[in-house]
Amino acid sequence: PPALPSDPDMLIGTRYKLGRELGRGSTSVVYEAEHLDLGRKVALKVLSPADGREGGVAEFVERFRAEARVLSSLSSSALVTVHDFGETGDGRPYCAMELLSGETLERHLDREKGMDFREA
């Protein structure tokens, strides 16, 4: 059964409990989350609400779906694994991906003061 809308930590209409925010872009937010039935921690990318967004909402939704499809069709140790894709109770698409630990590229570059082209 879908999550109850009264639980503020649940992504409405899904079995994902949201944790901390990992990142934010112009059209989506990525959270650390847990699938309640599987007990699996994931990086959950959710399309932001369309309030105030320039352009057509359908275009953003289709681009989000296309990104998830392409990522799920590829297999490489350099890419995250897509575990799930769906739509929230309020109609926003989401994509559950492998949760990785470590530092961001920005942090690595700050710490190392650059990067050799072979490492890049």
PDB file of N, CA and C in Angstrom:
ATOM      1  N   PRO A   1       0.823  -1.202   0.000  1.00  0.00           N
ATOM      2  CA  PRO A   1       0.000   0.000   0.000  1.00  0.00           C
ATOM      3  C   PRO A   1       0.860   1.256   0.000  1.00  0.00           C
ATOM      4  N   PRO A   2       0.409   2.327  -0.641  1.00  0.00           N
ATOM      5  CA  PRO A   2       1.190   3.562  -0.658  1.00  0.00           C
ATOM      6  C   PRO A   2       1.295   4.179   0.720  1.00  0.00           C
ATOM      7  N   ALA A   3       2.292   5.036   0.858  1.00  0.00           N
ATOM      8  CA  ALA A   3       2.514   5.712   2.136  1.00  0.00           C
ATOM      9  C   ALA A   3       1.362   6.645   2.452  1.00  0.00           C
ATOM     10  N   LEU A   4       1.114   6.810   3.729  1.00  0.00           N
ATOM     11  CA  LEU A   4       0.079   7.730   4.160  1.00  0.00           C
ATOM     12  C   LEU A   4       0.575   9.159   3.981  1.00  0.00           C
ATOM     13  N   PRO A   5      -0.253  10.041   3.414  1.00  0.00           N
ATOM     14  CA  PRO A   5       0.190  11.415   3.199  1.00  0.00           C
ATOM     15  C   PRO A   5       0.495  12.157   4.489  1.00  0.00           C
ATOM     16  N   SER A   6       0.022  11.656   5.627  1.00  0.00           N
ATOM     17  CA  SER A   6       0.249  12.333   6.898  1.00  0.00           C
ATOM     18  C   SER A   6       1.659  12.105   7.443  1.00  0.00           C
ATOM     19  N   ASP A   7       2.410  11.172   6.877  1.00  0.00           N
ATOM     20  CA  ASP A   7       3.774  10.916   7.332  1.00  0.00           C
ATOM     21  C   ASP A   7       4.720  11.828   6.563  1.00  0.00           C
ATOM     22  N   PRO A   8       5.275  12.862   7.213  1.00  0.00           N
ATOM     23  CA  PRO A   8       6.084  13.854   6.505  1.00  0.00           C
ATOM     24  C   PRO A   8       7.403  13.310   5.941  1.00  0.00           C
ATOM     25  N   ASP A   9       7.866  12.171   6.424  1.00  0.00           N
ATOM     26  CA  ASP A   9       9.120  11.610   5.933  1.00  0.00           C
ATOM     27  C   ASP A   9       8.942  10.701   4.726  1.00  0.00           C
ATOM     28  N   MET A  10       7.700  10.412   4.376  1.00  0.00           N
ATOM     29  CA  MET A  10       7.437   9.522   3.241  1.00  0.00           C
ATOM     30  C   MET A  10       7.233  10.335   1.967  1.00  0.00           C
ATOM     31  N   LEU A  11       7.709   9.798   0.859  1.00  0.00           N
ATOM     32  CA  LEU A  11       7.415  10.393  -0.438  1.00  0.00           C
ATOM     33  C   LEU A  11       6.014   9.921  -0.808  1.00  0.00           C
ATOM     34  N   ILE A  12       5.080  10.834  -0.907  1.00  0.00           N
ATOM     35  CA  ILE A  12       3.656  10.527  -1.079  1.00  0.00           C
ATOM     36  C   ILE A  12       3.426   9.561  -2.231  1.00  0.00           C
ATOM     37  N   GLY A  13       2.666   8.487  -1.916  1.00  0.00           N
ATOM     38  CA  GLY A  13       2.289   7.508  -2.934  1.00  0.00           C
ATOM     39  C   GLY A  13       3.352   6.482  -3.244  1.00  0.00           C
ATOM     40  N   THR A  14       4.428   6.445  -2.438  1.00  0.00           N
ATOM     41  CA  THR A  14       5.518   5.489  -2.663  1.00  0.00           C
ATOM     42  C   THR A  14       5.823   4.755  -1.369  1.00  0.00           C
ATOM     43  N   ARG A  15       6.774   3.842  -1.436  1.00  0.00           N
ATOM     44  CA  ARG A  15       7.255   3.111  -0.257  1.00  0.00           C
ATOM     45  C   ARG A  15       8.621   3.641   0.184  1.00  0.00           C
ATOM     46  N   TYR A  16       8.954   4.881  -0.211  1.00  0.00           N
ATOM     47  CA  TYR A  16      10.253   5.465   0.118  1.00  0.00           C
ATOM     48  C   TYR A  16      10.150   6.458   1.265  1.00  0.00           C
ATOM     49  N   LYS A  17      10.995   6.235   2.272  1.00  0.00           N
ATOM     50  CA  LYS A  17      11.123   7.166   3.388  1.00  0.00           C
ATOM     51  C   LYS A  17      12.325   8.062   3.094  1.00  0.00           C
ATOM     52  N   LEU A  18      12.073   9.361   3.071  1.00  0.00           N
ATOM     53  CA  LEU A  18      13.122  10.313   2.724  1.00  0.00           C
ATOM     54  C   LEU A  18      14.043  10.591   3.897  1.00  0.00           C
ATOM     55  N   GLY A  19      15.321  10.721   3.571  1.00  0.00           N
ATOM     56  CA  GLY A  19      16.337  11.112   4.535  1.00  0.00           C
ATOM     57  C   GLY A  19      16.873  12.477   4.165  1.00  0.00           C
ATOM     58  N   ARG A  20      18.158  12.655   4.323  1.00  0.00           N
ATOM     59  CA  ARG A  20      18.760  13.968   4.064  1.00  0.00           C
ATOM     60  C   ARG A  20      18.803  14.279   2.570  1.00  0.00           C
ATOM     61  N   GLU A  21      18.797  15.542   2.275  1.00  0.00           N
ATOM     62  CA  GLU A  21      18.928  15.993   0.899  1.00  0.00           C
ATOM     63  C   GLU A  21      20.389  15.870   0.487  1.00  0.00           C
ATOM     64  N   LEU A  22      20.646  15.234  -0.656  1.00  0.00           N
ATOM     65  CA  LEU A  22      22.007  15.047  -1.144  1.00  0.00           C
ATOM     66  C   LEU A  22      22.405  16.097  -2.176  1.00  0.00           C
ATOM     67  N   GLY A  23      21.432  16.598  -2.926  1.00  0.00           N
ATOM     68  CA  GLY A  23      21.735  17.585  -3.952  1.00  0.00           C
ATOM     69  C   GLY A  23      20.463  18.152  -4.534  1.00  0.00           C
ATOM     70  N   ARG A  24      20.624  19.278  -5.225  1.00  0.00           N
ATOM     71  CA  ARG A  24      19.468  19.964  -5.795  1.00  0.00           C
ATOM     72  C   ARG A  24      19.905  20.625  -7.086  1.00  0.00           C
ATOM     73  N   GLY A  25      19.065  20.487  -8.111  1.00  0.00           N
ATOM     74  CA  GLY A  25      19.300  21.157  -9.378  1.00  0.00           C
ATOM     75  C   GLY A  25      18.122  22.041  -9.708  1.00  0.00           C
ATOM     76  N   SER A  26      18.080  22.531 -10.934  1.00  0.00           N
ATOM     77  CA  SER A  26      17.014  23.441 -11.313  1.00  0.00           C
ATOM     78  C   SER A  26      15.671  22.736 -11.474  1.00  0.00           C
ATOM     79  N   THR A  27      15.683  21.417 -11.723  1.00  0.00           N
ATOM     80  CA  THR A  27      14.418  20.709 -11.949  1.00  0.00           C
ATOM     81  C   THR A  27      14.189  19.522 -11.025  1.00  0.00           C
ATOM     82  N   SER A  28      15.172  19.160 -10.212  1.00  0.00           N
ATOM     83  CA  SER A  28      14.989  17.982  -9.367  1.00  0.00           C
ATOM     84  C   SER A  28      15.789  18.088  -8.077  1.00  0.00           C
ATOM     85  N   VAL A  29      15.432  17.200  -7.132  1.00  0.00           N
ATOM     86  CA  VAL A  29      16.115  17.104  -5.845  1.00  0.00           C
ATOM     87  C   VAL A  29      16.487  15.643  -5.641  1.00  0.00           C
ATOM     88  N   VAL A  30      17.680  15.393  -5.083  1.00  0.00           N
ATOM     89  CA  VAL A  30      18.119  14.032  -4.782  1.00  0.00           C
ATOM     90  C   VAL A  30      18.213  13.879  -3.267  1.00  0.00           C
ATOM     91  N   TYR A  31      17.569  12.820  -2.772  1.00  0.00           N
ATOM     92  CA  TYR A  31      17.553  12.522  -1.339  1.00  0.00           C
ATOM     93  C   TYR A  31      18.201  11.173  -1.078  1.00  0.00           C
ATOM     94  N   GLU A  32      18.744  11.011   0.110  1.00  0.00           N
ATOM     95  CA  GLU A  32      19.035   9.674   0.599  1.00  0.00           C
ATOM     96  C   GLU A  32      17.678   9.159   1.067  1.00  0.00           C
ATOM     97  N   ALA A  33      17.328   7.945   0.691  1.00  0.00           N
ATOM     98  CA  ALA A  33      16.019   7.409   1.050  1.00  0.00           C
ATOM     99  C   ALA A  33      16.128   5.914   1.302  1.00  0.00           C
ATOM    100  N   GLU A  34      15.075   5.351   1.869  1.00  0.00           N
ATOM    101  CA  GLU A  34      15.028   3.912   2.119  1.00  0.00           C
ATOM    102  C   GLU A  34      13.702   3.357   1.618  1.00  0.00           C
ATOM    103  N   HIS A  35      13.796   2.262   0.866  1.00  0.00           N
ATOM    104  CA  HIS A  35      12.582   1.554   0.452  1.00  0.00           C
ATOM    105  C   HIS A  35      12.156   0.729   1.660  1.00  0.00           C
ATOM    106  N   LEU A  36      10.974   0.992   2.195  1.00  0.00           N
ATOM    107  CA  LEU A  36      10.558   0.367   3.453  1.00  0.00           C
ATOM    108  C   LEU A  36      10.426  -1.145   3.364  1.00  0.00           C
ATOM    109  N   ASP A  37       9.931  -1.679   2.256  1.00  0.00           N
ATOM    110  CA  ASP A  37       9.744  -3.124   2.149  1.00  0.00           C
ATOM    111  C   ASP A  37      11.055  -3.863   1.942  1.00  0.00           C
ATOM    112  N   LEU A  38      11.957  -3.283   1.171  1.00  0.00           N
ATOM    113  CA  LEU A  38      13.217  -3.950   0.852  1.00  0.00           C
ATOM    114  C   LEU A  38      14.335  -3.627   1.839  1.00  0.00           C
ATOM    115  N   GLY A  39      14.182  -2.525   2.580  1.00  0.00           N
ATOM    116  CA  GLY A  39      15.243  -2.101   3.490  1.00  0.00           C
ATOM    117  C   GLY A  39      16.464  -1.607   2.741  1.00  0.00           C
ATOM    118  N   ARG A  40      16.294  -1.222   1.505  1.00  0.00           N
ATOM    119  CA  ARG A  40      17.410  -0.784   0.664  1.00  0.00           C
ATOM    120  C   ARG A  40      17.533   0.731   0.705  1.00  0.00           C
ATOM    121  N   LYS A  41      18.751   1.217   0.996  1.00  0.00           N
ATOM    122  CA  LYS A  41      19.042   2.647   0.948  1.00  0.00           C
ATOM    123  C   LYS A  41      19.355   2.994  -0.503  1.00  0.00           C
ATOM    124  N   VAL A  42      18.796   4.114  -0.955  1.00  0.00           N
ATOM    125  CA  VAL A  42      18.970   4.543  -2.340  1.00  0.00           C
ATOM    126  C   VAL A  42      19.188   6.049  -2.394  1.00  0.00           C
ATOM    127  N   ALA A  43      19.662   6.487  -3.553  1.00  0.00           N
ATOM    128  CA  ALA A  43      19.642   7.903  -3.895  1.00  0.00           C
ATOM    129  C   ALA A  43      18.365   8.086  -4.700  1.00  0.00           C
ATOM    130  N   LEU A  44      17.454   8.906  -4.218  1.00  0.00           N
ATOM    131  CA  LEU A  44      16.143   9.059  -4.836  1.00  0.00           C
ATOM    132  C   LEU A  44      16.044  10.441  -5.473  1.00  0.00           C
ATOM    133  N   LYS A  45      16.008  10.464  -6.796  1.00  0.00           N
ATOM    134  CA  LYS A  45      15.902  11.718  -7.546  1.00  0.00           C
ATOM    135  C   LYS A  45      14.434  11.955  -7.861  1.00  0.00           C
ATOM    136  N   VAL A  46      13.925  13.120  -7.455  1.00  0.00           N
ATOM    137  CA  VAL A  46      12.507  13.450  -7.616  1.00  0.00           C
ATOM    138  C   VAL A  46      12.394  14.766  -8.372  1.00  0.00           C
ATOM    139  N   LEU A  47      11.562  14.780  -9.399  1.00  0.00           N
ATOM    140  CA  LEU A  47      11.315  16.019 -10.132  1.00  0.00           C
ATOM    141  C   LEU A  47      10.667  17.016  -9.188  1.00  0.00           C
ATOM    142  N   SER A  48      11.171  18.230  -9.182  1.00  0.00           N
ATOM    143  CA  SER A  48      10.618  19.281  -8.317  1.00  0.00           C
ATOM    144  C   SER A  48       9.225  19.664  -8.778  1.00  0.00           C
ATOM    145  N   PRO A  49       8.409  20.221  -7.872  1.00  0.00           N
ATOM    146  CA  PRO A  49       7.098  20.722  -8.298  1.00  0.00           C
ATOM    147  C   PRO A  49       7.271  21.766  -9.395  1.00  0.00           C
ATOM    148  N   ALA A  50       6.305  21.878 -10.278  1.00  0.00           N
ATOM    149  CA  ALA A  50       6.401  22.760 -11.446  1.00  0.00           C
ATOM    150  C   ALA A  50       6.153  24.231 -11.120  1.00  0.00           C
ATOM    151  N   ASP A  51       5.877  24.561  -9.881  1.00  0.00           N
ATOM    152  CA  ASP A  51       5.562  25.948  -9.517  1.00  0.00           C
ATOM    153  C   ASP A  51       6.646  26.910  -9.985  1.00  0.00           C
ATOM    154  N   GLY A  52       6.264  27.846 -10.838  1.00  0.00           N
ATOM    155  CA  GLY A  52       7.190  28.879 -11.276  1.00  0.00           C
ATOM    156  C   GLY A  52       8.210  28.440 -12.306  1.00  0.00           C
ATOM    157  N   ARG A  53       8.149  27.211 -12.780  1.00  0.00           N
ATOM    158  CA  ARG A  53       9.139  26.718 -13.738  1.00  0.00           C
ATOM    159  C   ARG A  53       8.847  27.266 -15.129  1.00  0.00           C
ATOM    160  N   GLU A  54       9.914  27.703 -15.811  1.00  0.00           N
ATOM    161  CA  GLU A  54       9.796  28.183 -17.191  1.00  0.00           C
ATOM    162  C   GLU A  54       9.615  26.996 -18.126  1.00  0.00           C
ATOM    163  N   GLY A  55       8.873  27.171 -19.182  1.00  0.00           N
ATOM    164  CA  GLY A  55       8.723  26.119 -20.191  1.00  0.00           C
ATOM    165  C   GLY A  55       7.643  25.131 -19.821  1.00  0.00           C
ATOM    166  N   GLY A  56       7.453  24.149 -20.692  1.00  0.00           N
ATOM    167  CA  GLY A  56       6.408  23.158 -20.490  1.00  0.00           C
ATOM    168  C   GLY A  56       6.800  22.087 -19.502  1.00  0.00           C
ATOM    169  N   VAL A  57       5.898  21.775 -18.590  1.00  0.00           N
ATOM    170  CA  VAL A  57       6.143  20.749 -17.582  1.00  0.00           C
ATOM    171  C   VAL A  57       6.319  19.386 -18.258  1.00  0.00           C
ATOM    172  N   ALA A  58       5.529  19.115 -19.287  1.00  0.00           N
ATOM    173  CA  ALA A  58       5.608  17.824 -19.978  1.00  0.00           C
ATOM    174  C   ALA A  58       7.008  17.579 -20.531  1.00  0.00           C
ATOM    175  N   GLU A  59       7.665  18.632 -20.981  1.00  0.00           N
ATOM    176  CA  GLU A  59       9.027  18.501 -21.513  1.00  0.00           C
ATOM    177  C   GLU A  59       9.996  18.042 -20.429  1.00  0.00           C
ATOM    178  N   PHE A  60       9.878  18.601 -19.225  1.00  0.00           N
ATOM    179  CA  PHE A  60      10.753  18.217 -18.118  1.00  0.00           C
ATOM    180  C   PHE A  60      10.486  16.778 -17.692  1.00  0.00           C
ATOM    181  N   VAL A  61       9.212  16.400 -17.645  1.00  0.00           N
ATOM    182  CA  VAL A  61       8.846  15.041 -17.257  1.00  0.00           C
ATOM    183  C   VAL A  61       9.402  14.041 -18.261  1.00  0.00           C
ATOM    184  N   GLU A  62       9.253  14.320 -19.544  1.00  0.00           N
ATOM    185  CA  GLU A  62       9.756  13.401 -20.571  1.00  0.00           C
ATOM    186  C   GLU A  62      11.278  13.310 -20.541  1.00  0.00           C
ATOM    187  N   ARG A  63      11.953  14.416 -20.321  1.00  0.00           N
ATOM    188  CA  ARG A  63      13.418  14.405 -20.222  1.00  0.00           C
ATOM    189  C   ARG A  63      13.868  13.583 -19.013  1.00  0.00           C
ATOM    190  N   PHE A  64      13.147  13.713 -17.901  1.00  0.00           N
ATOM    191  CA  PHE A  64      13.449  12.956 -16.684  1.00  0.00           C
ATOM    192  C   PHE A  64      13.292  11.459 -16.953  1.00  0.00           C
ATOM    193  N   ARG A  65      12.189  11.077 -17.608  1.00  0.00           N
ATOM    194  CA  ARG A  65      11.958   9.662 -17.953  1.00  0.00           C
ATOM    195  C   ARG A  65      13.033   9.137 -18.899  1.00  0.00           C
ATOM    196  N   ALA A  66      13.376   9.928 -19.899  1.00  0.00           N
ATOM    197  CA  ALA A  66      14.389   9.512 -20.873  1.00  0.00           C
ATOM    198  C   ALA A  66      15.743   9.298 -20.195  1.00  0.00           C
ATOM    199  N   GLU A  67      16.093  10.179 -19.266  1.00  0.00           N
ATOM    200  CA  GLU A  67      17.349  10.037 -18.524  1.00  0.00           C
ATOM    201  C   GLU A  67      17.368   8.729 -17.742  1.00  0.00           C
ATOM    202  N   ALA A  68      16.264   8.410 -17.067  1.00  0.00           N
ATOM    203  CA  ALA A  68      16.177   7.167 -16.294  1.00  0.00           C
ATOM    204  C   ALA A  68      16.262   5.950 -17.204  1.00  0.00           C
ATOM    205  N   ARG A  69      15.592   5.994 -18.355  1.00  0.00           N
ATOM    206  CA  ARG A  69      15.634   4.867 -19.305  1.00  0.00           C
ATOM    207  C   ARG A  69      17.049   4.626 -19.817  1.00  0.00           C
ATOM    208  N   VAL A  70      17.721   5.694 -20.208  1.00  0.00           N
ATOM    209  CA  VAL A  70      19.081   5.559 -20.733  1.00  0.00           C
ATOM    210  C   VAL A  70      20.005   5.008 -19.658  1.00  0.00           C
ATOM    211  N   LEU A  71      19.945   5.566 -18.467  1.00  0.00           N
ATOM    212  CA  LEU A  71      20.814   5.109 -17.387  1.00  0.00           C
ATOM    213  C   LEU A  71      20.558   3.644 -17.046  1.00  0.00           C
ATOM    214  N   SER A  72      19.291   3.229 -17.052  1.00  0.00           N
ATOM    215  CA  SER A  72      18.982   1.837 -16.710  1.00  0.00           C
ATOM    216  C   SER A  72      19.397   0.865 -17.807  1.00  0.00           C
ATOM    217  N   SER A  73      19.577   1.343 -19.037  1.00  0.00           N
ATOM    218  CA  SER A  73      19.968   0.457 -20.136  1.00  0.00           C
ATOM    219  C   SER A  73      21.478   0.259 -20.218  1.00  0.00           C
ATOM    220  N   LEU A  74      22.243   1.049 -19.481  1.00  0.00           N
ATOM    221  CA  LEU A  74      23.699   0.965 -19.515  1.00  0.00           C
ATOM    222  C   LEU A  74      24.212   0.173 -18.322  1.00  0.00           C
ATOM    223  N   SER A  75      25.331  -0.489 -18.518  1.00  0.00           N
ATOM    224  CA  SER A  75      25.938  -1.250 -17.432  1.00  0.00           C
ATOM    225  C   SER A  75      27.437  -0.973 -17.417  1.00  0.00           C
ATOM    226  N   SER A  76      27.891  -0.338 -16.363  1.00  0.00           N
ATOM    227  CA  SER A  76      29.304  -0.002 -16.222  1.00  0.00           C
ATOM    228  C   SER A  76      29.600   0.241 -14.753  1.00  0.00           C
ATOM    229  N   SER A  77      30.796  -0.114 -14.334  1.00  0.00           N
ATOM    230  CA  SER A  77      31.180   0.151 -12.944  1.00  0.00           C
ATOM    231  C   SER A  77      31.327   1.653 -12.695  1.00  0.00           C
ATOM    232  N   ALA A  78      31.355   2.444 -13.770  1.00  0.00           N
ATOM    233  CA  ALA A  78      31.478   3.890 -13.641  1.00  0.00           C
ATOM    234  C   ALA A  78      30.125   4.587 -13.528  1.00  0.00           C
ATOM    235  N   LEU A  79      29.025   3.835 -13.632  1.00  0.00           N
ATOM    236  CA  LEU A  79      27.683   4.405 -13.568  1.00  0.00           C
ATOM    237  C   LEU A  79      26.893   3.799 -12.417  1.00  0.00           C
ATOM    238  N   VAL A  80      26.003   4.580 -11.833  1.00  0.00           N
ATOM    239  CA  VAL A  80      25.140   4.047 -10.787  1.00  0.00           C
ATOM    240  C   VAL A  80      24.095   3.129 -11.400  1.00  0.00           C
ATOM    241  N   THR A  81      23.603   2.189 -10.599  1.00  0.00           N
ATOM    242  CA  THR A  81      22.551   1.270 -11.017  1.00  0.00           C
ATOM    243  C   THR A  81      21.197   1.879 -10.695  1.00  0.00           C
ATOM    244  N   VAL A  82      20.270   1.805 -11.652  1.00  0.00           N
ATOM    245  CA  VAL A  82      18.899   2.262 -11.417  1.00  0.00           C
ATOM    246  C   VAL A  82      18.110   1.092 -10.843  1.00  0.00           C
ATOM    247  N   HIS A  83      17.474   1.300  -9.689  1.00  0.00           N
ATOM    248  CA  HIS A  83      16.697   0.252  -9.034  1.00  0.00           C
ATOM    249  C   HIS A  83      15.199   0.352  -9.311  1.00  0.00           C
ATOM    250  N   ASP A  84      14.702   1.574  -9.495  1.00  0.00           N
ATOM    251  CA  ASP A  84      13.254   1.761  -9.592  1.00  0.00           C
ATOM    252  C   ASP A  84      12.967   3.081 -10.282  1.00  0.00           C
ATOM    253  N   PHE A  85      11.803   3.157 -10.881  1.00  0.00           N
ATOM    254  CA  PHE A  85      11.314   4.392 -11.489  1.00  0.00           C
ATOM    255  C   PHE A  85       9.806   4.403 -11.296  1.00  0.00           C
ATOM    256  N   GLY A  86       9.236   5.553 -11.009  1.00  0.00           N
ATOM    257  CA  GLY A  86       7.793   5.617 -10.824  1.00  0.00           C
ATOM    258  C   GLY A  86       7.306   7.041 -10.741  1.00  0.00           C
ATOM    259  N   GLU A  87       6.107   7.181 -10.214  1.00  0.00           N
ATOM    260  CA  GLU A  87       5.481   8.485 -10.084  1.00  0.00           C
ATOM    261  C   GLU A  87       4.931   8.626  -8.674  1.00  0.00           C
ATOM    262  N   THR A  88       5.136   9.780  -8.083  1.00  0.00           N
ATOM    263  CA  THR A  88       4.644  10.034  -6.734  1.00  0.00           C
ATOM    264  C   THR A  88       3.127  10.193  -6.745  1.00  0.00           C
ATOM    265  N   GLY A  89       2.533  10.214  -5.574  1.00  0.00           N
ATOM    266  CA  GLY A  89       1.098  10.397  -5.459  1.00  0.00           C
ATOM    267  C   GLY A  89       0.613  11.730  -5.995  1.00  0.00           C
ATOM    268  N   ASP A  90       1.529  12.719  -6.081  1.00  0.00           N
ATOM    269  CA  ASP A  90       1.141  14.014  -6.638  1.00  0.00           C
ATOM    270  C   ASP A  90       1.616  14.186  -8.080  1.00  0.00           C
ATOM    271  N   GLY A  91       1.987  13.065  -8.727  1.00  0.00           N
ATOM    272  CA  GLY A  91       2.264  13.078 -10.159  1.00  0.00           C
ATOM    273  C   GLY A  91       3.677  13.408 -10.604  1.00  0.00           C
ATOM    274  N   ARG A  92       4.628  13.488  -9.678  1.00  0.00           N
ATOM    275  CA  ARG A  92       6.014  13.785 -10.069  1.00  0.00           C
ATOM    276  C   ARG A  92       6.791  12.483 -10.265  1.00  0.00           C
ATOM    277  N   PRO A  93       7.556  12.365 -11.354  1.00  0.00           N
ATOM    278  CA  PRO A  93       8.358  11.165 -11.531  1.00  0.00           C
ATOM    279  C   PRO A  93       9.534  11.135 -10.553  1.00  0.00           C
ATOM    280  N   TYR A  94       9.953   9.907 -10.222  1.00  0.00           N
ATOM    281  CA  TYR A  94      11.134   9.725  -9.376  1.00  0.00           C
ATOM    282  C   TYR A  94      11.949   8.564  -9.919  1.00  0.00           C
ATOM    283  N   CYS A  95      13.221   8.548  -9.547  1.00  0.00           N
ATOM    284  CA  CYS A  95      14.130   7.494  -9.977  1.00  0.00           C
ATOM    285  C   CYS A  95      14.977   7.110  -8.771  1.00  0.00           C
ATOM    286  N   ALA A  96      14.933   5.823  -8.396  1.00  0.00           N
ATOM    287  CA  ALA A  96      15.733   5.322  -7.278  1.00  0.00           C
ATOM    288  C   ALA A  96      16.995   4.681  -7.837  1.00  0.00           C
ATOM    289  N   MET A  97      18.137   5.152  -7.377  1.00  0.00           N
ATOM    290  CA  MET A  97      19.435   4.704  -7.873  1.00  0.00           C
ATOM    291  C   MET A  97      20.320   4.224  -6.727  1.00  0.00           C
ATOM    292  N   GLU A  98      21.339   3.503  -7.105  1.00  0.00           N
ATOM    293  CA  GLU A  98      22.357   3.052  -6.163  1.00  0.00           C
ATOM    294  C   GLU A  98      22.867   4.254  -5.375  1.00  0.00           C
ATOM    295  N   LEU A  99      22.980   4.083  -4.060  1.00  0.00           N
ATOM    296  CA  LEU A  99      23.499   5.128  -3.189  1.00  0.00           C
ATOM    297  C   LEU A  99      24.994   4.904  -2.997  1.00  0.00           C
ATOM    298  N   LEU A 100      25.780   5.858  -3.398  1.00  0.00           N
ATOM    299  CA  LEU A 100      27.231   5.753  -3.285  1.00  0.00           C
ATOM    300  C   LEU A 100      27.716   6.624  -2.135  1.00  0.00           C
ATOM    301  N   SER A 101      28.833   6.237  -1.552  1.00  0.00           N
ATOM    302  CA  SER A 101      29.430   7.060  -0.511  1.00  0.00           C
ATOM    303  C   SER A 101      30.743   7.612  -1.051  1.00  0.00           C
ATOM    304  N   GLY A 102      31.208   8.662  -0.453  1.00  0.00           N
ATOM    305  CA  GLY A 102      32.448   9.278  -0.895  1.00  0.00           C
ATOM    306  C   GLY A 102      32.284  10.771  -0.951  1.00  0.00           C
ATOM    307  N   GLU A 103      33.207  11.401  -1.662  1.00  0.00           N
ATOM    308  CA  GLU A 103      33.162  12.849  -1.755  1.00  0.00           C
ATOM    309  C   GLU A 103      32.788  13.289  -3.163  1.00  0.00           C
ATOM    310  N   THR A 104      32.334  14.506  -3.274  1.00  0.00           N
ATOM    311  CA  THR A 104      31.987  15.051  -4.579  1.00  0.00           C
ATOM    312  C   THR A 104      33.262  15.383  -5.339  1.00  0.00           C
ATOM    313  N   LEU A 105      33.143  15.512  -6.639  1.00  0.00           N
ATOM    314  CA  LEU A 105      34.276  15.911  -7.464  1.00  0.00           C
ATOM    315  C   LEU A 105      34.777  17.280  -7.019  1.00  0.00           C
ATOM    316  N   GLU A 106      33.872  18.182  -6.724  1.00  0.00           N
ATOM    317  CA  GLU A 106      34.256  19.524  -6.278  1.00  0.00           C
ATOM    318  C   GLU A 106      35.116  19.464  -5.016  1.00  0.00           C
ATOM    319  N   ARG A 107      34.702  18.633  -4.046  1.00  0.00           N
ATOM    320  CA  ARG A 107      35.481  18.495  -2.809  1.00  0.00           C
ATOM    321  C   ARG A 107      36.853  17.888  -3.071  1.00  0.00           C
ATOM    322  N   HIS A 108      36.873  16.869  -3.951  1.00  0.00           N
ATOM    323  CA  HIS A 108      38.141  16.223  -4.297  1.00  0.00           C
ATOM    324  C   HIS A 108      39.104  17.231  -4.930  1.00  0.00           C
ATOM    325  N   LEU A 109      38.605  18.025  -5.858  1.00  0.00           N
ATOM    326  CA  LEU A 109      39.456  19.018  -6.526  1.00  0.00           C
ATOM    327  C   LEU A 109      39.945  20.076  -5.553  1.00  0.00           C
ATOM    328  N   ASP A 110      39.100  20.487  -4.622  1.00  0.00           N
ATOM    329  CA  ASP A 110      39.523  21.452  -3.602  1.00  0.00           C
ATOM    330  C   ASP A 110      40.620  20.870  -2.719  1.00  0.00           C
ATOM    331  N   ARG A 111      40.436  19.614  -2.327  1.00  0.00           N
ATOM    332  CA  ARG A 111      41.394  18.956  -1.432  1.00  0.00           C
ATOM    333  C   ARG A 111      42.719  18.693  -2.123  1.00  0.00           C
ATOM    334  N   GLU A 112      42.665  18.217  -3.363  1.00  0.00           N
ATOM    335  CA  GLU A 112      43.873  17.838  -4.099  1.00  0.00           C
ATOM    336  C   GLU A 112      44.456  18.980  -4.921  1.00  0.00           C
ATOM    337  N   LYS A 113      43.764  20.096  -4.963  1.00  0.00           N
ATOM    338  CA  LYS A 113      44.180  21.267  -5.748  1.00  0.00           C
ATOM    339  C   LYS A 113      44.336  20.927  -7.232  1.00  0.00           C
ATOM    340  N   GLY A 114      43.414  20.124  -7.736  1.00  0.00           N
ATOM    341  CA  GLY A 114      43.430  19.769  -9.153  1.00  0.00           C
ATOM    342  C   GLY A 114      43.421  18.270  -9.338  1.00  0.00           C
ATOM    343  N   MET A 115      43.567  17.858 -10.614  1.00  0.00           N
ATOM    344  CA  MET A 115      43.528  16.438 -10.934  1.00  0.00           C
ATOM    345  C   MET A 115      44.314  16.193 -12.229  1.00  0.00           C
ATOM    346  N   ASP A 116      45.131  15.171 -12.213  1.00  0.00           N
ATOM    347  CA  ASP A 116      45.874  14.760 -13.392  1.00  0.00           C
ATOM    348  C   ASP A 116      44.898  14.299 -14.479  1.00  0.00           C
ATOM    349  N   PHE A 117      45.207  14.561 -15.730  1.00  0.00           N
ATOM    350  CA  PHE A 117      44.282  14.208 -16.817  1.00  0.00           C
ATOM    351  C   PHE A 117      44.035  12.710 -16.886  1.00  0.00           C
ATOM    352  N   ARG A 118      44.990  11.875 -16.489  1.00  0.00           N
ATOM    353  CA  ARG A 118      44.770  10.405 -16.521  1.00  0.00           C
ATOM    354  C   ARG A 118      43.751   9.979 -15.453  1.00  0.00           C
ATOM    355  N   GLU A 119      43.798  10.646 -14.293  1.00  0.00           N
ATOM    356  CA  GLU A 119      42.827  10.352 -13.235  1.00  0.00           C
ATOM    357  C   GLU A 119      41.430  10.820 -13.627  1.00  0.00           C
ATOM    358  N   ALA A 120      41.372  11.943 -14.314  1.00  0.00           N
ATOM    359  CA  ALA A 120      40.079  12.489 -14.751  1.00  0.00           C
ATOM    360  C   ALA A 120      39.420  11.526 -15.709  1.00  0.00           C
TER     361      ALA A 120
END
